[in-house]
Amino acid sequence: MTSNPILDEIYATREVLLAEHDGDLHAYVEAARKRALESGRPIYKPKKRTKIGIGARIAPGPLPHHLACGSALGGSSLRSKLGPDC
């Protein structure tokens, strides 16, 4: 296996950072979080995602005209039920 100097540097840096916290990754992450909060810089907070999937309730509503008439798919059995407006 060949040596990669970039990865070797990353691994060495990781060892130094963890050694500063007695090898405790949780303590390192908490210290980093505290430094980030104290820096006063804005921290990105993503919006909570809504769950769509099995069991999700979606409000019923009318279909858009192009879907109801089947023009998006080249024809539909709904067209005969909707009348001549489509």
C-alpha atoms as a PDB file:
ATOM      1  CA  MET A   1       0.000   0.000   0.000  1.00  0.00           C
ATOM      2  CA  THR A   2       1.356   3.391  -0.970  1.00  0.00           C
ATOM      3  CA  SER A   3       1.543   6.326   1.391  1.00  0.00           C
ATOM      4  CA  ASN A   4      -0.555   9.405   0.705  1.00  0.00           C
ATOM      5  CA  PRO A   5       1.046  12.531   2.227  1.00  0.00           C
ATOM      6  CA  ILE A   6      -2.261  14.423   2.341  1.00  0.00           C
ATOM      7  CA  LEU A   7      -4.015  11.655   4.263  1.00  0.00           C
ATOM      8  CA  ASP A   8      -0.980  11.247   6.532  1.00  0.00           C
ATOM      9  CA  GLU A   9      -1.218  14.945   7.429  1.00  0.00           C
ATOM     10  CA  ILE A  10      -4.961  14.680   8.079  1.00  0.00           C
ATOM     11  CA  TYR A  11      -4.473  11.652  10.340  1.00  0.00           C
ATOM     12  CA  ALA A  12      -1.640  13.363  12.259  1.00  0.00           C
ATOM     13  CA  THR A  13      -3.763  16.490  12.765  1.00  0.00           C
ATOM     14  CA  ARG A  14      -6.657  14.377  13.995  1.00  0.00           C
ATOM     15  CA  GLU A  15      -4.381  12.690  16.527  1.00  0.00           C
ATOM     16  CA  VAL A  16      -3.119  16.081  17.817  1.00  0.00           C
ATOM     17  CA  LEU A  17      -6.653  17.493  18.142  1.00  0.00           C
ATOM     18  CA  LEU A  18      -7.916  14.433  19.970  1.00  0.00           C
ATOM     19  CA  ALA A  19      -4.836  14.354  22.225  1.00  0.00           C
ATOM     20  CA  GLU A  20      -5.751  17.862  23.424  1.00  0.00           C
ATOM     21  CA  HIS A  21      -9.010  16.343  24.749  1.00  0.00           C
ATOM     22  CA  ASP A  22      -7.534  13.073  26.059  1.00  0.00           C
ATOM     23  CA  GLY A  23      -8.823  11.172  23.023  1.00  0.00           C
ATOM     24  CA  ASP A  24     -12.446  12.029  23.811  1.00  0.00           C
ATOM     25  CA  LEU A  25     -14.192  12.855  20.549  1.00  0.00           C
ATOM     26  CA  HIS A  26     -17.326  14.075  22.363  1.00  0.00           C
ATOM     27  CA  ALA A  27     -15.264  16.564  24.406  1.00  0.00           C
ATOM     28  CA  TYR A  28     -13.569  17.821  21.225  1.00  0.00           C
ATOM     29  CA  VAL A  29     -16.899  18.332  19.436  1.00  0.00           C
ATOM     30  CA  GLU A  30     -18.378  20.164  22.445  1.00  0.00           C
ATOM     31  CA  ALA A  31     -15.333  22.456  22.612  1.00  0.00           C
ATOM     32  CA  ALA A  32     -15.614  23.165  18.882  1.00  0.00           C
ATOM     33  CA  ARG A  33     -19.326  23.936  19.269  1.00  0.00           C
ATOM     34  CA  LYS A  34     -18.598  26.292  22.143  1.00  0.00           C
ATOM     35  CA  ARG A  35     -15.896  28.108  20.111  1.00  0.00           C
ATOM     36  CA  ALA A  36     -18.298  28.458  17.192  1.00  0.00           C
ATOM     37  CA  LEU A  37     -21.021  29.949  19.384  1.00  0.00           C
ATOM     38  CA  GLU A  38     -18.591  32.349  21.077  1.00  0.00           C
ATOM     39  CA  SER A  39     -17.211  33.529  17.731  1.00  0.00           C
ATOM     40  CA  GLY A  40     -20.404  35.476  16.997  1.00  0.00           C
ATOM     41  CA  ARG A  41     -20.406  34.306  13.406  1.00  0.00           C
ATOM     42  CA  PRO A  42     -23.733  33.202  11.926  1.00  0.00           C
ATOM     43  CA  ILE A  43     -24.347  29.463  12.069  1.00  0.00           C
ATOM     44  CA  TYR A  44     -26.432  27.831   9.359  1.00  0.00           C
ATOM     45  CA  LYS A  45     -29.582  26.195  10.681  1.00  0.00           C
ATOM     46  CA  PRO A  46     -31.473  24.262   7.995  1.00  0.00           C
ATOM     47  CA  LYS A  47     -35.251  24.335   7.972  1.00  0.00           C
ATOM     48  CA  LYS A  48     -36.966  21.247   9.265  1.00  0.00           C
ATOM     49  CA  ARG A  49     -38.069  18.989   6.461  1.00  0.00           C
ATOM     50  CA  THR A  50     -41.590  17.711   6.255  1.00  0.00           C
ATOM     51  CA  LYS A  51     -42.144  14.017   5.894  1.00  0.00           C
ATOM     52  CA  ILE A  52     -43.869  12.945   2.703  1.00  0.00           C
ATOM     53  CA  GLY A  53     -44.333   9.274   2.175  1.00  0.00           C
ATOM     54  CA  ILE A  54     -46.284   6.322   3.427  1.00  0.00           C
ATOM     55  CA  GLY A  55     -49.039   7.458   5.723  1.00  0.00           C
ATOM     56  CA  ALA A  56     -48.535  11.159   4.979  1.00  0.00           C
ATOM     57  CA  ARG A  57     -51.723  13.130   4.491  1.00  0.00           C
ATOM     58  CA  ILE A  58     -51.818  15.417   1.501  1.00  0.00           C
ATOM     59  CA  ALA A  59     -54.651  17.890   1.222  1.00  0.00           C
ATOM     60  CA  PRO A  60     -56.958  16.932  -1.641  1.00  0.00           C
ATOM     61  CA  GLY A  61     -57.466  19.462  -4.355  1.00  0.00           C
ATOM     62  CA  PRO A  62     -58.315  19.784  -8.009  1.00  0.00           C
ATOM     63  CA  LEU A  63     -55.856  18.568 -10.567  1.00  0.00           C
ATOM     64  CA  PRO A  64     -54.137  21.193 -12.712  1.00  0.00           C
ATOM     65  CA  HIS A  65     -55.934  21.576 -16.060  1.00  0.00           C
ATOM     66  CA  HIS A  66     -53.152  19.990 -18.152  1.00  0.00           C
ATOM     67  CA  LEU A  67     -53.131  16.887 -15.923  1.00  0.00           C
ATOM     68  CA  ALA A  68     -56.900  16.533 -15.643  1.00  0.00           C
ATOM     69  CA  CYS A  69     -57.329  16.765 -19.419  1.00  0.00           C
ATOM     70  CA  GLY A  70     -54.478  14.411 -20.132  1.00  0.00           C
ATOM     71  CA  SER A  71     -52.658  16.857 -22.396  1.00  0.00           C
ATOM     72  CA  ALA A  72     -49.444  16.232 -20.446  1.00  0.00           C
ATOM     73  CA  LEU A  73     -49.677  12.519 -21.214  1.00  0.00           C
ATOM     74  CA  GLY A  74     -51.256  12.638 -24.634  1.00  0.00           C
ATOM     75  CA  GLY A  75     -54.753  11.589 -23.584  1.00  0.00           C
ATOM     76  CA  SER A  76     -56.702  10.364 -20.614  1.00  0.00           C
ATOM     77  CA  SER A  77     -59.846   8.576 -19.676  1.00  0.00           C
ATOM     78  CA  LEU A  78     -60.709  11.641 -17.554  1.00  0.00           C
ATOM     79  CA  ARG A  79     -61.168  13.689 -20.725  1.00  0.00           C
ATOM     80  CA  SER A  80     -64.458  11.997 -21.530  1.00  0.00           C
ATOM     81  CA  LYS A  81     -65.748  12.711 -18.004  1.00  0.00           C
ATOM     82  CA  LEU A  82     -64.684  16.377 -18.009  1.00  0.00           C
ATOM     83  CA  GLY A  83     -66.521  17.436 -21.121  1.00  0.00           C
ATOM     84  CA  PRO A  84     -65.627  19.486 -24.195  1.00  0.00           C
ATOM     85  CA  ASP A  85     -63.682  22.199 -22.309  1.00  0.00           C
ATOM     86  CA  CYS A  86     -60.565  20.046 -22.345  1.00  0.00           C
END
